[in-house]
């Protein structure tokens, strides 16, 4: 099987990507394309993000640092609300 590779830019990072072929349910692909368009993103960028998140979840990886940072900021901003909700 012959696969082609190229260098692309995602999220301000340069990475080599490899072209591949696969199959998916039509409805699922339509939904991913719609979400990508709604976010103004390319289909392949959304697919790449989904694959990264799936692999991280399967490996039991820790949350991404930016997720932790947002959670900490939210807790700091809304501490009293969270305390009331916990009662």
Protein backbone atom coordinates (compact mmCIF):
# COMPACT_ATOMS: atom_id res chain seq x y z
CA UNK A 1 0.00 0.00 0.00
CA UNK A 2 1.36 3.38 -1.00
CA UNK A 3 0.75 6.23 1.43
CA UNK A 4 1.63 9.85 0.90
CA UNK A 5 2.79 12.22 3.61
CA UNK A 6 2.86 15.99 3.79
CA UNK A 7 3.53 18.73 6.29
CA UNK A 8 0.52 20.67 7.57
CA UNK A 9 -0.17 23.36 10.15
CA UNK A 10 -2.64 22.71 12.98
CA UNK A 11 -3.03 24.92 16.03
CA UNK A 12 0.24 26.76 15.34
CA UNK A 13 2.20 23.49 15.25
CA UNK A 14 3.86 21.97 12.22
CA UNK A 15 3.42 18.24 11.90
CA UNK A 16 3.79 15.60 9.26
CA UNK A 17 0.52 13.97 8.33
CA UNK A 18 -0.09 10.80 6.39
CA UNK A 19 -2.94 10.31 3.99
CA UNK A 20 -5.03 7.19 4.62
CA UNK A 21 -8.30 5.69 3.54
CA UNK A 22 -11.08 4.34 5.72
CA UNK A 23 -14.84 4.10 5.90
CA UNK A 24 -17.46 5.50 8.26
CA UNK A 25 -21.23 5.77 8.45
CA UNK A 26 -22.56 8.48 6.15
CA UNK A 27 -24.54 10.14 8.94
CA UNK A 28 -21.46 10.35 11.15
CA UNK A 29 -19.33 11.89 8.41
CA UNK A 30 -22.09 14.38 7.61
CA UNK A 31 -22.25 15.38 11.28
CA UNK A 32 -18.48 15.84 11.52
CA UNK A 33 -18.45 17.93 8.34
CA UNK A 34 -21.31 20.08 9.68
CA UNK A 35 -19.56 20.63 13.01
CA UNK A 36 -16.30 21.50 11.25
CA UNK A 37 -18.08 24.01 9.01
CA UNK A 38 -19.92 25.55 11.96
CA UNK A 39 -16.59 26.05 13.74
CA UNK A 40 -14.90 27.36 10.59
CA UNK A 41 -12.43 24.48 10.66
CA UNK A 42 -11.25 21.95 8.13
CA UNK A 43 -12.65 18.43 8.26
CA UNK A 44 -9.20 16.87 8.65
CA UNK A 45 -8.41 19.12 11.64
CA UNK A 46 -11.58 18.01 13.42
CA UNK A 47 -10.89 14.36 12.58
CA UNK A 48 -7.31 14.68 13.85
CA UNK A 49 -8.55 16.22 17.11
CA UNK A 50 -11.10 13.44 17.55
CA UNK A 51 -8.47 10.76 17.00
CA UNK A 52 -6.07 12.37 19.48
CA UNK A 53 -8.79 12.59 22.13
CA UNK A 54 -9.83 8.96 21.52
CA UNK A 55 -6.24 7.70 21.84
CA UNK A 56 -5.68 9.74 25.02
CA UNK A 57 -8.90 8.39 26.54
CA UNK A 58 -7.97 4.79 25.66
CA UNK A 59 -4.50 5.22 27.15
CA UNK A 60 -5.97 6.73 30.29
CA UNK A 61 -3.96 9.87 29.70
CA UNK A 62 -4.27 12.85 32.00
CA UNK A 63 -6.37 15.80 30.85
CA UNK A 64 -4.61 18.30 28.62
CA UNK A 65 -2.89 21.15 30.49
CA UNK A 66 -5.20 23.77 28.98
CA UNK A 67 -8.24 21.85 30.27
CA UNK A 68 -6.76 21.79 33.79
CA UNK A 69 -5.98 25.52 33.55
CA UNK A 70 -9.57 26.34 32.53
CA UNK A 71 -10.96 24.19 35.34
CA UNK A 72 -8.74 25.87 37.93
CA UNK A 73 -9.70 29.33 36.64
CA UNK A 74 -13.39 28.42 36.79
CA UNK A 75 -13.05 27.14 40.35
CA UNK A 76 -11.24 30.31 41.41
CA UNK A 77 -13.87 32.53 39.76
CA UNK A 78 -16.95 30.63 40.93
CA UNK A 79 -15.82 29.08 44.23
CA UNK A 80 -18.80 30.38 46.24
CA UNK A 81 -21.28 29.13 43.63
CA UNK A 82 -19.70 25.67 43.64
CA UNK A 83 -19.80 25.59 47.45
CA UNK A 84 -23.52 26.45 47.42
CA UNK A 85 -24.25 23.81 44.78
CA UNK A 86 -22.39 21.19 46.81
CA UNK A 87 -24.71 21.66 49.81
